[in-house]
Structure formats: C-alpha cells, structure tokens
Amino acid sequence: MKLPEQGQLLRVFIGEDDTYRGKPLYEAIVIKARELNLAGVTVLRGTMGFGASSRIHTAKILRLSEDLPVIIEIVDVSENIEKLIPFLDQNVEEGLITRENVEIVKYRHRKKN
C-alpha cells in the first residue's frame, strides 16, 4: 500500500481498565481500525500518568495501579482517520483524543513468499 506524503496521526489516551462489551477498549479500537482498513495502529502502555481526574496511575511496585495509561496511535490519511471518529466518540467515555498532521516518510510491508 502506498500512502501520500501527508497524513494524520490520531492519538487516543485512555485507561487500561476501560472496556467495550467486556473486553479492553484498546483492543476494540485496534479491531475497528483494522475493519476500516486503516494503515497502522500501535498500542502503548504507560508506566505513569494522570488525566482529567488528576489521580496518578503508576506501575511502581509499592503503589500498584491496575488502570495504567494507554495510548493508541493511528496513522493514515485524513479521510480514513475520519471514519474511526464516530466509533471513538461513542465509546471513549473518559480520555483524550488528539489529531495532528504528519509527514509520512515510509510505509511498506514485507511481501509474503
């Protein structure tokens, strides 16, 4: 797949414990993005952070938190990113969603033999 040089990066900041139909919300977002044929998605788990509630979530041993920050990064062209927004609007009850223009330097995948 060839992408143009200009694209968008969509970031979704949620908690690890956020769910969608009994499963982790981050998994549902990745699956939905795949269904929509978006170019790529990566889920990152944070070791520490806080959001609108100002409650600190951390992975420190002495202060275990099960609801660590999760960031889902999605890169594609604006038109394709736009297809995912209604799903996020409906299912991200608490969190932050950002979108920025990015320059796509390279996007390719290995060809199967």
C-alpha atoms as a PDB file:
ATOM      1  CA  MET A   1       0.000   0.000   0.000  1.00  0.00           C
ATOM      2  CA  LYS A   2       1.326   3.424  -0.928  1.00  0.00           C
ATOM      3  CA  LEU A   3       0.354   6.374   1.225  1.00  0.00           C
ATOM      4  CA  PRO A   4       0.773  10.004   0.241  1.00  0.00           C
ATOM      5  CA  GLU A   5       3.474  12.022   1.970  1.00  0.00           C
ATOM      6  CA  GLN A   6       0.961  13.893   4.113  1.00  0.00           C
ATOM      7  CA  GLY A   7      -1.175  12.045   6.650  1.00  0.00           C
ATOM      8  CA  GLN A   8      -2.573  12.310  10.128  1.00  0.00           C
ATOM      9  CA  LEU A   9      -1.672  10.880  13.499  1.00  0.00           C
ATOM     10  CA  LEU A  10      -4.589  10.163  15.781  1.00  0.00           C
ATOM     11  CA  ARG A  11      -3.793   9.568  19.450  1.00  0.00           C
ATOM     12  CA  VAL A  12      -6.298   8.149  21.899  1.00  0.00           C
ATOM     13  CA  PHE A  13      -5.412   8.399  25.589  1.00  0.00           C
ATOM     14  CA  ILE A  14      -7.463   6.038  27.760  1.00  0.00           C
ATOM     15  CA  GLY A  15      -7.054   3.846  30.826  1.00  0.00           C
ATOM     16  CA  GLU A  16      -6.042   0.219  30.705  1.00  0.00           C
ATOM     17  CA  ASP A  17      -9.242  -0.751  32.530  1.00  0.00           C
ATOM     18  CA  ASP A  18     -11.590   0.957  30.053  1.00  0.00           C
ATOM     19  CA  THR A  19     -13.794  -1.641  28.396  1.00  0.00           C
ATOM     20  CA  TYR A  20     -16.011  -2.181  25.373  1.00  0.00           C
ATOM     21  CA  ARG A  21     -18.502  -5.059  25.556  1.00  0.00           C
ATOM     22  CA  GLY A  22     -16.494  -6.803  28.270  1.00  0.00           C
ATOM     23  CA  LYS A  23     -13.119  -6.548  26.506  1.00  0.00           C
ATOM     24  CA  PRO A  24     -10.367  -3.926  26.757  1.00  0.00           C
ATOM     25  CA  LEU A  25     -11.320  -0.766  24.869  1.00  0.00           C
ATOM     26  CA  TYR A  26      -7.864  -0.527  23.307  1.00  0.00           C
ATOM     27  CA  GLU A  27      -8.409  -3.940  21.691  1.00  0.00           C
ATOM     28  CA  ALA A  28     -11.782  -2.831  20.327  1.00  0.00           C
ATOM     29  CA  ILE A  29     -10.193   0.294  18.832  1.00  0.00           C
ATOM     30  CA  VAL A  30      -7.469  -1.746  17.111  1.00  0.00           C
ATOM     31  CA  ILE A  31     -10.022  -4.215  15.741  1.00  0.00           C
ATOM     32  CA  LYS A  32     -12.276  -1.402  14.491  1.00  0.00           C
ATOM     33  CA  ALA A  33      -9.319   0.339  12.826  1.00  0.00           C
ATOM     34  CA  ARG A  34      -8.424  -2.944  11.108  1.00  0.00           C
ATOM     35  CA  GLU A  35     -12.026  -3.398   9.939  1.00  0.00           C
ATOM     36  CA  LEU A  36     -11.833   0.096   8.432  1.00  0.00           C
ATOM     37  CA  ASN A  37      -8.545  -0.821   6.677  1.00  0.00           C
ATOM     38  CA  LEU A  38      -6.536   1.913   8.361  1.00  0.00           C
ATOM     39  CA  ALA A  39      -2.807   1.875   7.616  1.00  0.00           C
ATOM     40  CA  GLY A  40      -1.499   1.097  11.099  1.00  0.00           C
ATOM     41  CA  VAL A  41      -2.189   1.136  14.823  1.00  0.00           C
ATOM     42  CA  THR A  42       0.094   0.791  17.831  1.00  0.00           C
ATOM     43  CA  VAL A  43      -0.944   0.478  21.482  1.00  0.00           C
ATOM     44  CA  LEU A  44       1.483   1.844  24.069  1.00  0.00           C
ATOM     45  CA  ARG A  45       1.178   1.156  27.792  1.00  0.00           C
ATOM     46  CA  GLY A  46       2.334   3.963  30.045  1.00  0.00           C
ATOM     47  CA  THR A  47       4.184   3.463  33.300  1.00  0.00           C
ATOM     48  CA  MET A  48       2.783   6.582  34.929  1.00  0.00           C
ATOM     49  CA  GLY A  49       0.312   9.343  34.200  1.00  0.00           C
ATOM     50  CA  PHE A  50      -2.836  11.204  35.142  1.00  0.00           C
ATOM     51  CA  GLY A  51      -5.846  12.570  33.322  1.00  0.00           C
ATOM     52  CA  ALA A  52      -8.841  14.781  33.930  1.00  0.00           C
ATOM     53  CA  SER A  53      -9.403  13.334  37.422  1.00  0.00           C
ATOM     54  CA  SER A  54      -5.808  14.234  38.415  1.00  0.00           C
ATOM     55  CA  ARG A  55      -5.496  10.781  40.016  1.00  0.00           C
ATOM     56  CA  ILE A  56      -1.986   9.435  39.439  1.00  0.00           C
ATOM     57  CA  HIS A  57      -1.715   5.963  37.922  1.00  0.00           C
ATOM     58  CA  THR A  58       1.645   4.266  38.283  1.00  0.00           C
ATOM     59  CA  ALA A  59       3.379   0.926  37.804  1.00  0.00           C
ATOM     60  CA  LYS A  60       5.664   1.388  40.816  1.00  0.00           C
ATOM     61  CA  ILE A  61       5.912  -1.749  42.920  1.00  0.00           C
ATOM     62  CA  LEU A  62       4.938  -0.049  46.178  1.00  0.00           C
ATOM     63  CA  ARG A  63       1.918   1.590  44.596  1.00  0.00           C
ATOM     64  CA  LEU A  64       0.346  -0.864  42.191  1.00  0.00           C
ATOM     65  CA  SER A  65      -2.223   0.532  39.805  1.00  0.00           C
ATOM     66  CA  GLU A  66      -4.227  -1.680  37.515  1.00  0.00           C
ATOM     67  CA  ASP A  67      -5.515   1.224  35.445  1.00  0.00           C
ATOM     68  CA  LEU A  68      -2.321   2.353  33.745  1.00  0.00           C
ATOM     69  CA  PRO A  69      -2.418   4.878  30.906  1.00  0.00           C
ATOM     70  CA  VAL A  70      -2.774   3.505  27.385  1.00  0.00           C
ATOM     71  CA  ILE A  71      -2.092   5.440  24.196  1.00  0.00           C
ATOM     72  CA  ILE A  72      -3.360   4.190  20.857  1.00  0.00           C
ATOM     73  CA  GLU A  73      -1.569   5.759  17.877  1.00  0.00           C
ATOM     74  CA  ILE A  74      -3.124   5.523  14.433  1.00  0.00           C
ATOM     75  CA  VAL A  75      -1.572   6.861  11.223  1.00  0.00           C
ATOM     76  CA  ASP A  76      -3.350   7.195   7.898  1.00  0.00           C
ATOM     77  CA  VAL A  77      -4.744   9.833   5.562  1.00  0.00           C
ATOM     78  CA  SER A  78      -7.321  12.260   6.950  1.00  0.00           C
ATOM     79  CA  GLU A  79     -10.255  10.675   5.104  1.00  0.00           C
ATOM     80  CA  ASN A  80      -9.554   7.264   6.644  1.00  0.00           C
ATOM     81  CA  ILE A  81      -8.929   8.629  10.141  1.00  0.00           C
ATOM     82  CA  GLU A  82     -12.294  10.394   9.903  1.00  0.00           C
ATOM     83  CA  LYS A  83     -14.050   7.010   9.517  1.00  0.00           C
ATOM     84  CA  LEU A  84     -12.936   5.971  13.023  1.00  0.00           C
ATOM     85  CA  ILE A  85     -14.048   9.156  14.825  1.00  0.00           C
ATOM     86  CA  PRO A  86     -17.739   8.142  15.301  1.00  0.00           C
ATOM     87  CA  PHE A  87     -16.697   4.855  16.965  1.00  0.00           C
ATOM     88  CA  LEU A  88     -14.327   6.707  19.292  1.00  0.00           C
ATOM     89  CA  ASP A  89     -16.864   9.431  20.046  1.00  0.00           C
ATOM     90  CA  GLN A  90     -19.397   6.823  21.063  1.00  0.00           C
ATOM     91  CA  ASN A  91     -17.106   4.527  23.070  1.00  0.00           C
ATOM     92  CA  VAL A  92     -14.383   6.638  24.709  1.00  0.00           C
ATOM     93  CA  GLU A  93     -16.237   7.770  27.811  1.00  0.00           C
ATOM     94  CA  GLU A  94     -13.199   9.192  29.585  1.00  0.00           C
ATOM     95  CA  GLY A  95      -9.947  10.135  27.922  1.00  0.00           C
ATOM     96  CA  LEU A  96      -8.385  12.426  25.374  1.00  0.00           C
ATOM     97  CA  ILE A  97      -8.275  12.214  21.589  1.00  0.00           C
ATOM     98  CA  THR A  98      -5.846  14.318  19.549  1.00  0.00           C
ATOM     99  CA  ARG A  99      -5.155  14.589  15.847  1.00  0.00           C
ATOM    100  CA  GLU A 100      -2.213  16.192  14.074  1.00  0.00           C
ATOM    101  CA  ASN A 101      -0.830  16.405  10.579  1.00  0.00           C
ATOM    102  CA  VAL A 102       2.269  14.310   9.958  1.00  0.00           C
ATOM    103  CA  GLU A 103       4.724  13.719   7.152  1.00  0.00           C
ATOM    104  CA  ILE A 104       4.816  10.056   6.169  1.00  0.00           C
ATOM    105  CA  VAL A 105       8.408   9.175   5.345  1.00  0.00           C
ATOM    106  CA  LYS A 106       7.976   5.491   4.522  1.00  0.00           C
ATOM    107  CA  TYR A 107       5.225   2.890   4.722  1.00  0.00           C
ATOM    108  CA  ARG A 108       5.712  -0.610   3.438  1.00  0.00           C
ATOM    109  CA  HIS A 109       5.275  -4.211   4.408  1.00  0.00           C
ATOM    110  CA  ARG A 110       7.120  -7.384   3.618  1.00  0.00           C
ATOM    111  CA  LYS A 111       5.814  -9.407   0.749  1.00  0.00           C
ATOM    112  CA  LYS A 112       4.951 -12.978   1.665  1.00  0.00           C
ATOM    113  CA  ASN A 113       6.892 -15.658  -0.217  1.00  0.00           C
END
